[in-house]
Amino acid sequence: MGKDWKLDIVFSDSVAIFRGHVGHNKAHSHWASQITVALDGIVEFETASGLQRSDAVYFSSKTEHRLISGFICSIYFDPMADSVLKTLNKDAPHGWKSLSHAEITQKLGPISASTNLGTLLNSDLLRPLDIASSSDDRLHKVIHEIKAQLGDGMDLDRDSLAKIADLSPTRFSHWFVERTGIPLRSYKKWLKLRVAIDAMLEGKSPVDAALMAGFSDQAHMSRAISDSFGLTYLDARKAWEHFSQK
């Protein structure tokens, strides 16, 4: 494992793709589901089951893991995403599943060091579940309002969101988990991270990015990055600086 991450990075509203050599990281978990593909040889990773090696690996949401080595491409899906992950979730009873290159190619097409990440990001294969098609239009309204308010530097509390769904605050909390499988607080934390990362990639200072995303301060944002991705803020900053200089 090298010390520093040096990555190519592309983002959409619901998918993030990182490509590069694995750097230092600790065991971590995040609300995104993740597919990591070895681009040269194998990827080594660690789970509760111990050290593993594979052509590729799928981690379901909140599965603790640590990447150890490899030249890899990792695809992170918003917790609301579906499509490619629908069958993988069913086949990963322990929260992860080793995959062959043939399986990855069948699901996503060939992925290599020369794959255009922007084209992959915008492909139909990575299109997330359309929440607007839900039989309960209230969910679409709630998700839309959460994203809109965070994008404006605001953070609606549970009571305000419950009013949008025409539910009591207590019932709203249970309803949100029933509809999405994710606690409201955890989903908002994931979205805050996305807002903060996007802001820093656009050149905002860490302090400004943290406040824009609704974190109390830079230290709060740094802890969230470490818990979710296993990287210290300094490690993440070096990776972003490398990316911005390319």
C-alpha atoms as a PDB file:
ATOM      1  CA  MET A   1       0.000   0.000   0.000  1.00  0.00           C
ATOM      2  CA  GLY A   2       1.369   3.404  -0.935  1.00  0.00           C
ATOM      3  CA  LYS A   3       1.050   6.286   1.486  1.00  0.00           C
ATOM      4  CA  ASP A   4      -0.758   8.735  -0.786  1.00  0.00           C
ATOM      5  CA  TRP A   5      -3.842   8.392  -2.939  1.00  0.00           C
ATOM      6  CA  LYS A   6      -3.454   9.701  -6.491  1.00  0.00           C
ATOM      7  CA  LEU A   7      -6.771   9.538  -8.246  1.00  0.00           C
ATOM      8  CA  ASP A   8      -8.856  10.517 -11.227  1.00  0.00           C
ATOM      9  CA  ILE A   9     -12.270  11.582  -9.902  1.00  0.00           C
ATOM     10  CA  VAL A  10     -15.666  12.155 -11.556  1.00  0.00           C
ATOM     11  CA  PHE A  11     -19.009  12.858  -9.868  1.00  0.00           C
ATOM     12  CA  SER A  12     -22.683  13.065 -10.666  1.00  0.00           C
ATOM     13  CA  ASP A  13     -25.589  13.658  -8.273  1.00  0.00           C
ATOM     14  CA  SER A  14     -25.789   9.958  -7.463  1.00  0.00           C
ATOM     15  CA  VAL A  15     -22.518   8.271  -8.513  1.00  0.00           C
ATOM     16  CA  ALA A  16     -18.824   8.901  -7.849  1.00  0.00           C
ATOM     17  CA  ILE A  17     -15.960   7.124  -9.643  1.00  0.00           C
ATOM     18  CA  PHE A  18     -12.353   7.060  -8.387  1.00  0.00           C
ATOM     19  CA  ARG A  19      -9.482   5.517 -10.331  1.00  0.00           C
ATOM     20  CA  GLY A  20      -5.901   5.147  -9.101  1.00  0.00           C
ATOM     21  CA  HIS A  21      -3.528   3.278  -6.808  1.00  0.00           C
ATOM     22  CA  VAL A  22      -4.774   2.394  -3.319  1.00  0.00           C
ATOM     23  CA  GLY A  23      -3.276   4.611  -0.624  1.00  0.00           C
ATOM     24  CA  HIS A  24      -3.351   4.487   3.152  1.00  0.00           C
ATOM     25  CA  ASN A  25      -6.792   3.960   4.688  1.00  0.00           C
ATOM     26  CA  LYS A  26      -8.301   2.477   7.815  1.00  0.00           C
ATOM     27  CA  ALA A  27     -11.326   0.208   8.207  1.00  0.00           C
ATOM     28  CA  HIS A  28     -14.406   2.256   7.387  1.00  0.00           C
ATOM     29  CA  SER A  29     -17.996   2.097   6.176  1.00  0.00           C
ATOM     30  CA  HIS A  30     -20.250   4.472   4.259  1.00  0.00           C
ATOM     31  CA  TRP A  31     -23.833   4.656   3.125  1.00  0.00           C
ATOM     32  CA  ALA A  32     -22.840   4.352  -0.501  1.00  0.00           C
ATOM     33  CA  SER A  33     -22.678   0.914  -2.060  1.00  0.00           C
ATOM     34  CA  GLN A  34     -19.354   0.284  -3.781  1.00  0.00           C
ATOM     35  CA  ILE A  35     -17.896  -1.765  -6.620  1.00  0.00           C
ATOM     36  CA  THR A  36     -14.091  -1.861  -6.832  1.00  0.00           C
ATOM     37  CA  VAL A  37     -12.429  -3.352  -9.913  1.00  0.00           C
ATOM     38  CA  ALA A  38      -8.732  -4.276 -10.189  1.00  0.00           C
ATOM     39  CA  LEU A  39      -7.264  -2.675 -13.324  1.00  0.00           C
ATOM     40  CA  ASP A  40      -3.899  -4.428 -13.075  1.00  0.00           C
ATOM     41  CA  GLY A  41      -3.660  -7.788 -11.302  1.00  0.00           C
ATOM     42  CA  ILE A  42      -5.925  -8.065  -8.263  1.00  0.00           C
ATOM     43  CA  VAL A  43      -7.348  -5.896  -5.534  1.00  0.00           C
ATOM     44  CA  GLU A  44      -6.519  -6.816  -1.934  1.00  0.00           C
ATOM     45  CA  PHE A  45      -9.014  -5.867   0.735  1.00  0.00           C
ATOM     46  CA  GLU A  46      -9.959  -6.673   4.308  1.00  0.00           C
ATOM     47  CA  THR A  47     -13.369  -7.373   5.810  1.00  0.00           C
ATOM     48  CA  ALA A  48     -14.615  -8.919   9.038  1.00  0.00           C
ATOM     49  CA  SER A  49     -13.801 -12.250   7.365  1.00  0.00           C
ATOM     50  CA  GLY A  50     -10.117 -11.342   7.040  1.00  0.00           C
ATOM     51  CA  LEU A  51      -7.778 -10.651   4.121  1.00  0.00           C
ATOM     52  CA  GLN A  52      -9.281 -11.216   0.656  1.00  0.00           C
ATOM     53  CA  ARG A  53      -8.047 -11.025  -2.950  1.00  0.00           C
ATOM     54  CA  SER A  54     -10.212 -10.752  -6.038  1.00  0.00           C
ATOM     55  CA  ASP A  55     -10.591  -9.399  -9.579  1.00  0.00           C
ATOM     56  CA  ALA A  56     -13.296  -7.129  -8.195  1.00  0.00           C
ATOM     57  CA  VAL A  57     -15.467  -6.759  -5.099  1.00  0.00           C
ATOM     58  CA  TYR A  58     -18.890  -5.400  -4.208  1.00  0.00           C
ATOM     59  CA  PHE A  59     -19.539  -3.828  -0.774  1.00  0.00           C
ATOM     60  CA  SER A  60     -23.118  -3.129   0.240  1.00  0.00           C
ATOM     61  CA  SER A  61     -24.059  -0.030   2.213  1.00  0.00           C
ATOM     62  CA  LYS A  62     -22.501   0.239   5.722  1.00  0.00           C
ATOM     63  CA  THR A  63     -20.237  -2.801   5.285  1.00  0.00           C
ATOM     64  CA  GLU A  64     -16.934  -2.190   7.083  1.00  0.00           C
ATOM     65  CA  HIS A  65     -13.932  -2.791   4.842  1.00  0.00           C
ATOM     66  CA  ARG A  66     -10.430  -1.596   4.015  1.00  0.00           C
ATOM     67  CA  LEU A  67      -8.685  -1.575   0.655  1.00  0.00           C
ATOM     68  CA  ILE A  68      -5.094  -2.753   1.012  1.00  0.00           C
ATOM     69  CA  SER A  69      -3.469  -2.617  -2.423  1.00  0.00           C
ATOM     70  CA  GLY A  70      -4.098  -2.491  -6.141  1.00  0.00           C
ATOM     71  CA  PHE A  71      -4.519  -0.203  -9.132  1.00  0.00           C
ATOM     72  CA  ILE A  72      -8.287   0.083  -8.999  1.00  0.00           C
ATOM     73  CA  CYS A  73     -11.451   1.734 -10.202  1.00  0.00           C
ATOM     74  CA  SER A  74     -14.058   2.241  -7.455  1.00  0.00           C
ATOM     75  CA  ILE A  75     -17.657   3.183  -8.214  1.00  0.00           C
ATOM     76  CA  TYR A  76     -19.738   4.584  -5.332  1.00  0.00           C
ATOM     77  CA  PHE A  77     -23.521   4.617  -5.639  1.00  0.00           C
ATOM     78  CA  ASP A  78     -25.830   6.951  -3.755  1.00  0.00           C
ATOM     79  CA  PRO A  79     -27.883   5.019  -1.168  1.00  0.00           C
ATOM     80  CA  MET A  80     -30.966   5.557  -3.325  1.00  0.00           C
ATOM     81  CA  ALA A  81     -29.338   3.975  -6.392  1.00  0.00           C
ATOM     82  CA  ASP A  82     -30.577   0.694  -7.808  1.00  0.00           C
ATOM     83  CA  SER A  83     -30.012  -0.897 -11.253  1.00  0.00           C
ATOM     84  CA  VAL A  84     -26.663  -2.740 -11.191  1.00  0.00           C
ATOM     85  CA  LEU A  85     -26.773  -3.210  -7.416  1.00  0.00           C
ATOM     86  CA  LYS A  86     -30.197  -4.798  -7.145  1.00  0.00           C
ATOM     87  CA  THR A  87     -29.066  -8.391  -7.696  1.00  0.00           C
ATOM     88  CA  LEU A  88     -25.708  -7.908  -5.965  1.00  0.00           C
ATOM     89  CA  ASN A  89     -27.410  -6.933  -2.713  1.00  0.00           C
ATOM     90  CA  LYS A  90     -29.295 -10.219  -2.706  1.00  0.00           C
ATOM     91  CA  ASP A  91     -26.102 -12.203  -3.342  1.00  0.00           C
ATOM     92  CA  ALA A  92     -24.032 -10.562  -0.598  1.00  0.00           C
ATOM     93  CA  PRO A  93     -25.391 -11.911   2.713  1.00  0.00           C
ATOM     94  CA  HIS A  94     -22.250 -10.805   4.597  1.00  0.00           C
ATOM     95  CA  GLY A  95     -22.244  -7.356   3.024  1.00  0.00           C
ATOM     96  CA  TRP A  96     -19.627  -8.083   0.341  1.00  0.00           C
ATOM     97  CA  LYS A  97     -19.119 -10.337  -2.652  1.00  0.00           C
ATOM     98  CA  SER A  98     -16.051 -11.158  -4.746  1.00  0.00           C
ATOM     99  CA  LEU A  99     -16.609 -10.703  -8.476  1.00  0.00           C
ATOM    100  CA  SER A 100     -14.714 -11.822 -11.555  1.00  0.00           C
ATOM    101  CA  HIS A 101     -13.797  -9.555 -14.446  1.00  0.00           C
ATOM    102  CA  ALA A 102     -16.311 -11.501 -16.534  1.00  0.00           C
ATOM    103  CA  GLU A 103     -19.110 -10.646 -14.084  1.00  0.00           C
ATOM    104  CA  ILE A 104     -18.114  -6.965 -14.038  1.00  0.00           C
ATOM    105  CA  THR A 105     -17.968  -6.852 -17.846  1.00  0.00           C
ATOM    106  CA  GLN A 106     -21.397  -8.475 -18.033  1.00  0.00           C
ATOM    107  CA  LYS A 107     -22.892  -5.852 -15.684  1.00  0.00           C
ATOM    108  CA  LEU A 108     -20.956  -2.698 -16.550  1.00  0.00           C
ATOM    109  CA  GLY A 109     -18.966  -3.433 -19.680  1.00  0.00           C
ATOM    110  CA  PRO A 110     -15.143  -3.496 -19.810  1.00  0.00           C
ATOM    111  CA  ILE A 111     -13.418  -1.133 -17.348  1.00  0.00           C
ATOM    112  CA  SER A 112      -9.713  -0.413 -17.783  1.00  0.00           C
ATOM    113  CA  ALA A 113      -7.043   2.201 -17.126  1.00  0.00           C
ATOM    114  CA  SER A 114      -8.047   3.884 -20.396  1.00  0.00           C
ATOM    115  CA  THR A 115     -11.827   3.877 -19.867  1.00  0.00           C
ATOM    116  CA  ASN A 116     -13.321   7.352 -20.216  1.00  0.00           C
ATOM    117  CA  LEU A 117     -14.711   7.883 -16.718  1.00  0.00           C
ATOM    118  CA  GLY A 118     -17.052  10.657 -17.841  1.00  0.00           C
ATOM    119  CA  THR A 119     -18.660   8.347 -20.397  1.00  0.00           C
ATOM    120  CA  LEU A 120     -18.975   5.579 -17.799  1.00  0.00           C
ATOM    121  CA  LEU A 121     -20.472   8.012 -15.279  1.00  0.00           C
ATOM    122  CA  ASN A 122     -23.185   9.083 -17.700  1.00  0.00           C
ATOM    123  CA  SER A 123     -23.995   5.628 -19.037  1.00  0.00           C
ATOM    124  CA  ASP A 124     -27.478   4.142 -18.647  1.00  0.00           C
ATOM    125  CA  LEU A 125     -25.926   1.319 -16.621  1.00  0.00           C
ATOM    126  CA  LEU A 126     -25.176   3.671 -13.726  1.00  0.00           C
ATOM    127  CA  ARG A 127     -28.480   5.482 -13.834  1.00  0.00           C
ATOM    128  CA  PRO A 128     -29.999   5.444 -10.320  1.00  0.00           C
ATOM    129  CA  LEU A 129     -33.492   4.529  -9.264  1.00  0.00           C
ATOM    130  CA  ASP A 130     -35.932   7.268 -10.282  1.00  0.00           C
ATOM    131  CA  ILE A 131     -37.458   8.248  -6.958  1.00  0.00           C
ATOM    132  CA  ALA A 132     -40.068  10.290  -8.795  1.00  0.00           C
ATOM    133  CA  SER A 133     -41.575   7.042 -10.076  1.00  0.00           C
ATOM    134  CA  SER A 134     -42.293   5.936  -6.525  1.00  0.00           C
ATOM    135  CA  SER A 135     -45.939   5.209  -5.784  1.00  0.00           C
ATOM    136  CA  ASP A 136     -45.552   7.580  -2.812  1.00  0.00           C
ATOM    137  CA  ASP A 137     -44.872  11.045  -4.247  1.00  0.00           C
ATOM    138  CA  ARG A 138     -44.123  12.319  -0.745  1.00  0.00           C
ATOM    139  CA  LEU A 139     -40.724  10.621  -0.822  1.00  0.00           C
ATOM    140  CA  HIS A 140     -39.772  12.419  -4.013  1.00  0.00           C
ATOM    141  CA  LYS A 141     -40.756  15.765  -2.473  1.00  0.00           C
ATOM    142  CA  VAL A 142     -38.786  15.091   0.715  1.00  0.00           C
ATOM    143  CA  ILE A 143     -35.600  13.993  -1.089  1.00  0.00           C
ATOM    144  CA  HIS A 144     -35.843  16.935  -3.478  1.00  0.00           C
ATOM    145  CA  GLU A 145     -36.207  19.381  -0.572  1.00  0.00           C
ATOM    146  CA  ILE A 146     -33.282  17.887   1.377  1.00  0.00           C
ATOM    147  CA  LYS A 147     -30.964  18.202  -1.639  1.00  0.00           C
ATOM    148  CA  ALA A 148     -32.209  21.678  -2.548  1.00  0.00           C
ATOM    149  CA  GLN A 149     -31.757  23.040   0.976  1.00  0.00           C
ATOM    150  CA  LEU A 150     -28.294  21.504   1.447  1.00  0.00           C
ATOM    151  CA  GLY A 151     -27.281  22.949  -1.902  1.00  0.00           C
ATOM    152  CA  ASP A 152     -28.236  26.389  -0.531  1.00  0.00           C
ATOM    153  CA  GLY A 153     -26.253  25.837   2.672  1.00  0.00           C
ATOM    154  CA  MET A 154     -29.317  25.051   4.778  1.00  0.00           C
ATOM    155  CA  ASP A 155     -30.356  21.909   6.635  1.00  0.00           C
ATOM    156  CA  LEU A 156     -34.037  21.233   7.216  1.00  0.00           C
ATOM    157  CA  ASP A 157     -34.784  19.551  10.525  1.00  0.00           C
ATOM    158  CA  ARG A 158     -36.918  16.448  10.901  1.00  0.00           C
ATOM    159  CA  ASP A 159     -40.020  18.402  11.928  1.00  0.00           C
ATOM    160  CA  SER A 160     -39.940  20.520   8.760  1.00  0.00           C
ATOM    161  CA  LEU A 161     -39.513  17.466   6.550  1.00  0.00           C
ATOM    162  CA  ALA A 162     -42.300  15.651   8.406  1.00  0.00           C
ATOM    163  CA  LYS A 163     -44.680  18.485   7.484  1.00  0.00           C
ATOM    164  CA  ILE A 164     -43.826  18.014   3.794  1.00  0.00           C
ATOM    165  CA  ALA A 165     -44.794  14.346   4.107  1.00  0.00           C
ATOM    166  CA  ASP A 166     -47.859  15.232   6.215  1.00  0.00           C
ATOM    167  CA  LEU A 167     -46.683  12.971   9.040  1.00  0.00           C
ATOM    168  CA  SER A 168     -45.844  13.406  12.700  1.00  0.00           C
ATOM    169  CA  PRO A 169     -42.084  13.705  13.378  1.00  0.00           C
ATOM    170  CA  THR A 170     -41.931  10.294  15.053  1.00  0.00           C
ATOM    171  CA  ARG A 171     -43.913   8.566  12.322  1.00  0.00           C
ATOM    172  CA  PHE A 172     -41.826  10.375   9.683  1.00  0.00           C
ATOM    173  CA  SER A 173     -38.578   8.864  11.020  1.00  0.00           C
ATOM    174  CA  HIS A 174     -39.983   5.329  10.731  1.00  0.00           C
ATOM    175  CA  TRP A 175     -41.572   6.078   7.358  1.00  0.00           C
ATOM    176  CA  PHE A 176     -38.301   7.357   5.891  1.00  0.00           C
ATOM    177  CA  VAL A 177     -36.455   4.179   6.902  1.00  0.00           C
ATOM    178  CA  GLU A 178     -39.299   2.009   5.581  1.00  0.00           C
ATOM    179  CA  ARG A 179     -39.234   3.766   2.215  1.00  0.00           C
ATOM    180  CA  THR A 180     -35.450   4.069   1.767  1.00  0.00           C
ATOM    181  CA  GLY A 181     -33.769   1.596   4.132  1.00  0.00           C
ATOM    182  CA  ILE A 182     -31.658   4.486   5.474  1.00  0.00           C
ATOM    183  CA  PRO A 183     -32.115   6.639   8.610  1.00  0.00           C
ATOM    184  CA  LEU A 184     -32.709  10.295   7.765  1.00  0.00           C
ATOM    185  CA  ARG A 185     -29.701  11.500   9.763  1.00  0.00           C
ATOM    186  CA  SER A 186     -27.349   9.098   7.972  1.00  0.00           C
ATOM    187  CA  TYR A 187     -28.649  10.005   4.523  1.00  0.00           C
ATOM    188  CA  LYS A 188     -28.249  13.713   5.240  1.00  0.00           C
ATOM    189  CA  LYS A 189     -24.684  13.088   6.451  1.00  0.00           C
ATOM    190  CA  TRP A 190     -23.882  11.345   3.158  1.00  0.00           C
ATOM    191  CA  LEU A 191     -25.324  14.258   1.169  1.00  0.00           C
ATOM    192  CA  LYS A 192     -23.352  16.749   3.286  1.00  0.00           C
ATOM    193  CA  LEU A 193     -20.160  14.915   2.421  1.00  0.00           C
ATOM    194  CA  ARG A 194     -21.041  15.116  -1.264  1.00  0.00           C
ATOM    195  CA  VAL A 195     -21.673  18.873  -0.997  1.00  0.00           C
ATOM    196  CA  ALA A 196     -18.383  19.409   0.872  1.00  0.00           C
ATOM    197  CA  ILE A 197     -16.313  17.320  -1.555  1.00  0.00           C
ATOM    198  CA  ASP A 198     -17.865  19.043  -4.571  1.00  0.00           C
ATOM    199  CA  ALA A 199     -17.105  22.437  -3.022  1.00  0.00           C
ATOM    200  CA  MET A 200     -13.451  21.575  -2.386  1.00  0.00           C
ATOM    201  CA  LEU A 201     -13.025  20.182  -5.896  1.00  0.00           C
ATOM    202  CA  GLU A 202     -14.345  23.529  -7.142  1.00  0.00           C
ATOM    203  CA  GLY A 203     -11.606  25.314  -5.188  1.00  0.00           C
ATOM    204  CA  LYS A 204     -13.411  26.312  -1.994  1.00  0.00           C
ATOM    205  CA  SER A 205     -11.360  26.354   1.209  1.00  0.00           C
ATOM    206  CA  PRO A 206     -11.940  23.466   3.673  1.00  0.00           C
ATOM    207  CA  VAL A 207     -13.554  25.837   6.186  1.00  0.00           C
ATOM    208  CA  ASP A 208     -15.937  27.284   3.592  1.00  0.00           C
ATOM    209  CA  ALA A 209     -16.735  23.823   2.188  1.00  0.00           C
ATOM    210  CA  ALA A 210     -17.548  22.510   5.672  1.00  0.00           C
ATOM    211  CA  LEU A 211     -19.897  25.401   6.433  1.00  0.00           C
ATOM    212  CA  MET A 212     -21.521  25.228   2.981  1.00  0.00           C
ATOM    213  CA  ALA A 213     -22.303  21.554   3.583  1.00  0.00           C
ATOM    214  CA  GLY A 214     -23.839  22.182   6.999  1.00  0.00           C
ATOM    215  CA  PHE A 215     -21.013  20.831   9.170  1.00  0.00           C
ATOM    216  CA  SER A 216     -20.363  22.771  12.364  1.00  0.00           C
ATOM    217  CA  ASP A 217     -16.708  23.289  11.447  1.00  0.00           C
ATOM    218  CA  GLN A 218     -13.775  21.787   9.504  1.00  0.00           C
ATOM    219  CA  ALA A 219     -13.007  19.272  12.277  1.00  0.00           C
ATOM    220  CA  HIS A 220     -16.576  17.932  12.076  1.00  0.00           C
ATOM    221  CA  MET A 221     -16.209  17.499   8.304  1.00  0.00           C
ATOM    222  CA  SER A 222     -12.811  15.823   8.718  1.00  0.00           C
ATOM    223  CA  ARG A 223     -14.237  13.241  11.124  1.00  0.00           C
ATOM    224  CA  ALA A 224     -17.049  12.482   8.680  1.00  0.00           C
ATOM    225  CA  ILE A 225     -14.525  11.953   5.847  1.00  0.00           C
ATOM    226  CA  SER A 226     -12.422   9.625   8.011  1.00  0.00           C
ATOM    227  CA  ASP A 227     -15.420   7.600   9.209  1.00  0.00           C
ATOM    228  CA  SER A 228     -16.839   7.242   5.698  1.00  0.00           C
ATOM    229  CA  PHE A 229     -13.736   6.694   3.571  1.00  0.00           C
ATOM    230  CA  GLY A 230     -10.980   5.685   5.985  1.00  0.00           C
ATOM    231  CA  LEU A 231      -8.836   8.647   4.937  1.00  0.00           C
ATOM    232  CA  THR A 232      -7.614  11.522   7.037  1.00  0.00           C
ATOM    233  CA  TYR A 233      -8.538  14.940   5.742  1.00  0.00           C
ATOM    234  CA  LEU A 234      -4.881  15.553   4.814  1.00  0.00           C
ATOM    235  CA  ASP A 235      -4.780  12.335   2.757  1.00  0.00           C
ATOM    236  CA  ALA A 236      -7.968  13.354   0.974  1.00  0.00           C
ATOM    237  CA  ARG A 237      -6.633  16.867   0.389  1.00  0.00           C
ATOM    238  CA  LYS A 238      -3.441  15.524  -1.224  1.00  0.00           C
ATOM    239  CA  ALA A 239      -5.543  13.344  -3.533  1.00  0.00           C
ATOM    240  CA  TRP A 240      -7.725  16.304  -4.554  1.00  0.00           C
ATOM    241  CA  GLU A 241      -4.666  18.488  -5.143  1.00  0.00           C
ATOM    242  CA  HIS A 242      -3.168  15.787  -7.348  1.00  0.00           C
ATOM    243  CA  PHE A 243      -6.435  15.544  -9.267  1.00  0.00           C
ATOM    244  CA  SER A 244      -6.743  19.338  -9.730  1.00  0.00           C
ATOM    245  CA  GLN A 245      -3.198  19.578 -11.131  1.00  0.00           C
ATOM    246  CA  LYS A 246      -3.798  17.004 -13.877  1.00  0.00           C
END
